[in-house]
Amino acid sequence: MPLQSVISPQPAPGAALWLAAYAALTAAGGLPLFFVYERWGLLGFAVPAAALMALNLRSNLNRRTFSFSNEVLGILGLCLGAPAACFAARGSLAGGAWPAWGLSALYFLGPIFDIKAAALRHRVSADKSAHAAWSRMKTASLAYAAAALVIVGAAAAAGWLSAAAPLPFLAALHKTWRRGRLAPGRVDFRRLGFAEVVYSVFFVLVIGGGFLARAR
């Protein structure tokens, strides 16, 4: 990210310009929310978001970008956008703002396991010694996907979430199970990333539609 590059010992050329452009876009979108719609409560999200971003930047600068803890912090911080968007639209945190954060975090933590499993599958194709680590990560990925589906399914059965809420988690479990059955081999990470985007869009459409329907 531009901010990380700017504060690093050797900033990339043009990083400051990109940071200024992002700051201008943020101001253009954020200032009307404060001064026109008086959504001053959004400032409450700044403290946890800044803390998580600082921890993430420190880990990145210490070359721990792909550590599990750093990736979890990044996901938790990014998912704050869900309750923040609810507050920006409604002016309050009523109507499922924090459940939206919890669901988003629960869903998007899953790909951390999936991508690490894919990286190990790729590595095993050239280094057989990584096979045990790959097996453990596949098991962890499948266990997480199954647990997430059980949690969301139970919440939907209790009426706390829409009946469609488990669908993205069911798709994620099937995806994880299917990938776990693949033999060791080289992984096309660009194609893998595109697939994750498709699954993420499906999640947003289903969960977002469910919250909108319940808010009416």
Protein backbone atom coordinates (compact mmCIF):
# COMPACT_ATOMS: atom_id res chain seq x y z
CA MET A 1 0.00 0.00 0.00
CA PRO A 2 1.23 3.56 -0.62
CA LEU A 3 1.29 4.45 3.08
CA GLN A 4 3.49 1.47 3.87
CA SER A 5 5.85 2.42 1.07
CA VAL A 6 6.02 6.06 2.17
CA ILE A 7 7.01 5.18 5.74
CA SER A 8 9.46 2.48 4.69
CA PRO A 9 13.22 3.18 4.55
CA GLN A 10 13.14 3.08 0.74
CA PRO A 11 9.82 4.50 -0.58
CA ALA A 12 8.78 3.38 -4.03
CA PRO A 13 8.73 6.06 -6.74
CA GLY A 14 5.32 7.67 -6.95
CA ALA A 15 4.11 6.25 -3.62
CA ALA A 16 3.56 9.72 -2.14
CA LEU A 17 1.53 10.73 -5.19
CA TRP A 18 -0.70 7.65 -4.89
CA LEU A 19 -1.12 8.28 -1.15
CA ALA A 20 -2.20 11.86 -1.86
CA ALA A 21 -4.67 10.65 -4.49
CA TYR A 22 -6.23 8.13 -2.09
CA ALA A 23 -6.39 10.77 0.64
CA ALA A 24 -8.19 13.15 -1.73
CA LEU A 25 -10.71 10.46 -2.68
CA THR A 26 -11.28 9.66 1.00
CA ALA A 27 -11.86 13.33 1.78
CA ALA A 28 -14.23 13.73 -1.17
CA GLY A 29 -16.34 10.81 0.02
CA GLY A 30 -16.02 11.38 3.76
CA LEU A 31 -16.39 15.12 4.28
CA PRO A 32 -20.01 15.26 2.97
CA LEU A 33 -20.91 12.48 5.41
CA PHE A 34 -19.69 14.66 8.29
CA PHE A 35 -20.70 18.16 7.24
CA VAL A 36 -23.84 17.43 5.18
CA TYR A 37 -25.29 14.30 6.80
CA GLU A 38 -23.69 14.83 10.25
CA ARG A 39 -22.43 11.27 10.56
CA TRP A 40 -19.91 12.25 13.24
CA GLY A 41 -20.30 8.87 14.86
CA LEU A 42 -18.13 7.46 12.07
CA LEU A 43 -15.15 8.90 13.92
CA GLY A 44 -15.70 6.14 16.48
CA PHE A 45 -14.51 3.65 13.91
CA ALA A 46 -11.27 5.57 13.42
CA VAL A 47 -9.70 4.39 16.70
CA PRO A 48 -9.95 0.59 16.19
CA ALA A 49 -9.27 0.97 12.45
CA ALA A 50 -6.12 3.05 13.08
CA ALA A 51 -4.90 0.63 15.76
CA LEU A 52 -5.36 -2.40 13.52
CA MET A 53 -3.73 -0.60 10.59
CA ALA A 54 -0.74 0.39 12.74
CA LEU A 55 -0.24 -3.21 13.86
CA ASN A 56 -0.58 -4.40 10.26
CA LEU A 57 1.95 -1.85 8.99
CA ARG A 58 4.43 -2.78 11.73
CA SER A 59 4.17 -6.46 10.82
CA ASN A 60 4.61 -5.69 7.13
CA LEU A 61 7.68 -3.54 7.76
CA ASN A 62 9.11 -6.34 9.93
CA ARG A 63 8.67 -8.75 7.01
CA ARG A 64 5.80 -10.64 8.66
CA THR A 65 3.32 -9.76 5.92
CA PHE A 66 2.05 -13.30 5.46
CA SER A 67 2.00 -14.34 9.10
CA PHE A 68 -1.34 -15.69 10.25
CA SER A 69 -1.75 -13.04 12.96
CA ASN A 70 -1.02 -10.20 10.54
CA GLU A 71 -3.52 -11.46 7.99
CA VAL A 72 -6.19 -11.83 10.70
CA LEU A 73 -5.59 -8.23 11.83
CA GLY A 74 -5.94 -7.06 8.24
CA ILE A 75 -9.24 -8.90 7.78
CA LEU A 76 -10.68 -7.62 11.06
CA GLY A 77 -9.75 -4.08 10.12
CA LEU A 78 -11.15 -4.25 6.61
CA CYS A 79 -14.41 -5.76 7.87
CA LEU A 80 -15.02 -2.65 9.99
CA GLY A 81 -16.25 -1.23 6.71
CA ALA A 82 -19.47 -3.23 7.14
CA PRO A 83 -20.76 -1.55 10.33
CA ALA A 84 -19.33 1.77 9.16
CA ALA A 85 -21.37 1.51 5.94
CA CYS A 86 -24.48 0.66 7.97
CA PHE A 87 -23.93 3.72 10.15
CA ALA A 88 -23.28 5.95 7.13
CA ALA A 89 -26.55 4.81 5.53
CA ARG A 90 -28.80 4.80 8.60
CA GLY A 91 -27.17 7.15 11.08
CA SER A 92 -27.13 4.45 13.76
CA LEU A 93 -25.72 1.01 14.47
CA ALA A 94 -29.18 -0.53 14.73
CA GLY A 95 -30.35 -3.11 12.21
CA GLY A 96 -27.48 -5.57 12.29
CA ALA A 97 -24.37 -3.42 11.88
CA TRP A 98 -22.19 -5.50 14.21
CA PRO A 99 -23.62 -8.84 13.05
CA ALA A 100 -22.59 -7.70 9.56
CA TRP A 101 -19.04 -7.20 10.85
CA GLY A 102 -19.07 -10.59 12.55
CA LEU A 103 -20.36 -12.38 9.47
CA SER A 104 -17.86 -10.61 7.22
CA ALA A 105 -14.95 -11.46 9.51
CA LEU A 106 -16.10 -15.08 9.87
CA TYR A 107 -16.33 -15.46 6.10
CA PHE A 108 -13.19 -13.63 5.01
CA LEU A 109 -10.95 -15.31 7.57
CA GLY A 110 -11.59 -18.57 5.71
CA PRO A 111 -9.58 -17.68 2.59
CA ILE A 112 -6.49 -17.22 4.79
CA PHE A 113 -6.49 -20.99 5.32
CA ASP A 114 -7.40 -21.66 1.68
CA ILE A 115 -4.59 -19.53 0.22
CA LYS A 116 -2.00 -20.98 2.59
CA ALA A 117 -3.14 -24.49 1.64
CA ALA A 118 -2.86 -23.56 -2.04
CA ALA A 119 0.66 -22.18 -1.49
CA LEU A 120 1.71 -25.41 0.22
CA ARG A 121 0.15 -27.50 -2.55
CA HIS A 122 2.22 -25.47 -5.02
CA ARG A 123 5.34 -25.99 -2.91
CA VAL A 124 4.79 -29.74 -2.50
CA SER A 125 4.99 -30.15 -6.29
CA ALA A 126 8.70 -29.32 -5.99
CA ASP A 127 9.45 -30.12 -2.35
CA LYS A 128 7.93 -33.32 -0.97
CA SER A 129 9.03 -32.44 2.57
CA ALA A 130 6.21 -29.88 2.73
CA HIS A 131 3.55 -32.57 2.33
CA ALA A 132 2.86 -32.88 6.06
CA ALA A 133 2.40 -29.13 6.43
CA TRP A 134 0.07 -29.15 3.43
CA SER A 135 -2.03 -31.94 4.96
CA ARG A 136 -2.32 -30.06 8.25
CA MET A 137 -3.36 -26.86 6.51
CA LYS A 138 -5.97 -28.68 4.41
CA THR A 139 -7.44 -30.16 7.59
CA ALA A 140 -7.46 -26.78 9.32
CA SER A 141 -9.06 -25.12 6.30
CA LEU A 142 -11.81 -27.72 6.06
CA ALA A 143 -12.43 -27.62 9.82
CA TYR A 144 -12.73 -23.84 9.80
CA ALA A 145 -15.13 -23.84 6.83
CA ALA A 146 -17.30 -26.49 8.50
CA ALA A 147 -17.34 -24.66 11.84
CA ALA A 148 -18.26 -21.37 10.16
CA LEU A 149 -21.15 -23.05 8.34
CA VAL A 150 -22.41 -24.62 11.59
CA ILE A 151 -22.30 -21.25 13.39
CA VAL A 152 -24.12 -19.38 10.64
CA GLY A 153 -26.59 -22.22 10.10
CA ALA A 154 -27.47 -22.23 13.79
CA ALA A 155 -27.91 -18.45 13.80
CA ALA A 156 -30.18 -18.66 10.75
CA ALA A 157 -32.20 -21.49 12.31
CA ALA A 158 -32.69 -19.34 15.43
CA GLY A 159 -34.02 -16.50 13.28
CA TRP A 160 -31.08 -14.18 13.94
CA LEU A 161 -30.02 -14.23 10.28
CA SER A 162 -31.83 -14.66 6.99
CA ALA A 163 -32.48 -18.19 5.77
CA ALA A 164 -30.09 -17.56 2.86
CA ALA A 165 -27.15 -16.54 5.08
CA PRO A 166 -25.59 -20.05 5.20
CA LEU A 167 -25.40 -20.30 1.38
CA PRO A 168 -22.03 -18.49 0.92
CA PHE A 169 -20.58 -20.52 3.78
CA LEU A 170 -21.87 -23.73 2.21
CA ALA A 171 -20.23 -22.70 -1.07
CA ALA A 172 -16.99 -21.97 0.81
CA LEU A 173 -17.08 -25.40 2.45
CA HIS A 174 -17.60 -27.11 -0.91
CA LYS A 175 -14.77 -25.06 -2.43
CA THR A 176 -12.42 -26.02 0.40
CA TRP A 177 -13.38 -29.70 0.22
CA ARG A 178 -12.92 -29.75 -3.57
CA ARG A 179 -9.52 -28.07 -3.43
CA GLY A 180 -8.43 -30.44 -0.68
CA ARG A 181 -8.94 -33.40 -3.02
CA LEU A 182 -6.51 -32.01 -5.62
CA ALA A 183 -3.14 -33.66 -6.11
CA PRO A 184 0.06 -31.68 -5.56
CA GLY A 185 0.76 -29.38 -8.48
CA ARG A 186 1.54 -25.89 -9.60
CA VAL A 187 -1.16 -23.36 -8.70
CA ASP A 188 -2.32 -20.53 -10.95
CA PHE A 189 -2.62 -17.89 -8.25
CA ARG A 190 -4.12 -15.32 -10.61
CA ARG A 191 -6.96 -17.71 -11.41
CA LEU A 192 -7.25 -18.59 -7.72
CA GLY A 193 -7.55 -14.92 -6.82
CA PHE A 194 -10.24 -14.37 -9.43
CA ALA A 195 -12.21 -17.32 -8.03
CA GLU A 196 -11.98 -15.85 -4.52
CA VAL A 197 -13.35 -12.55 -5.85
CA VAL A 198 -16.34 -14.40 -7.34
CA TYR A 199 -17.05 -16.16 -4.04
CA SER A 200 -16.70 -12.84 -2.19
CA VAL A 201 -19.18 -11.10 -4.50
CA PHE A 202 -21.62 -13.95 -3.91
CA PHE A 203 -21.20 -13.46 -0.15
CA VAL A 204 -21.85 -9.71 -0.38
CA LEU A 205 -24.93 -10.16 -2.55
CA VAL A 206 -26.51 -12.83 -0.35
CA ILE A 207 -25.67 -11.32 3.04
CA GLY A 208 -26.31 -7.74 1.93
CA GLY A 209 -29.63 -8.73 0.41
CA GLY A 210 -30.58 -10.55 3.58
CA PHE A 211 -29.89 -7.54 5.79
CA LEU A 212 -31.76 -5.22 3.45
CA ALA A 213 -34.77 -7.53 3.39
CA ARG A 214 -34.85 -7.76 7.20
CA ALA A 215 -34.51 -3.98 7.57
CA ARG A 216 -37.72 -3.29 5.62
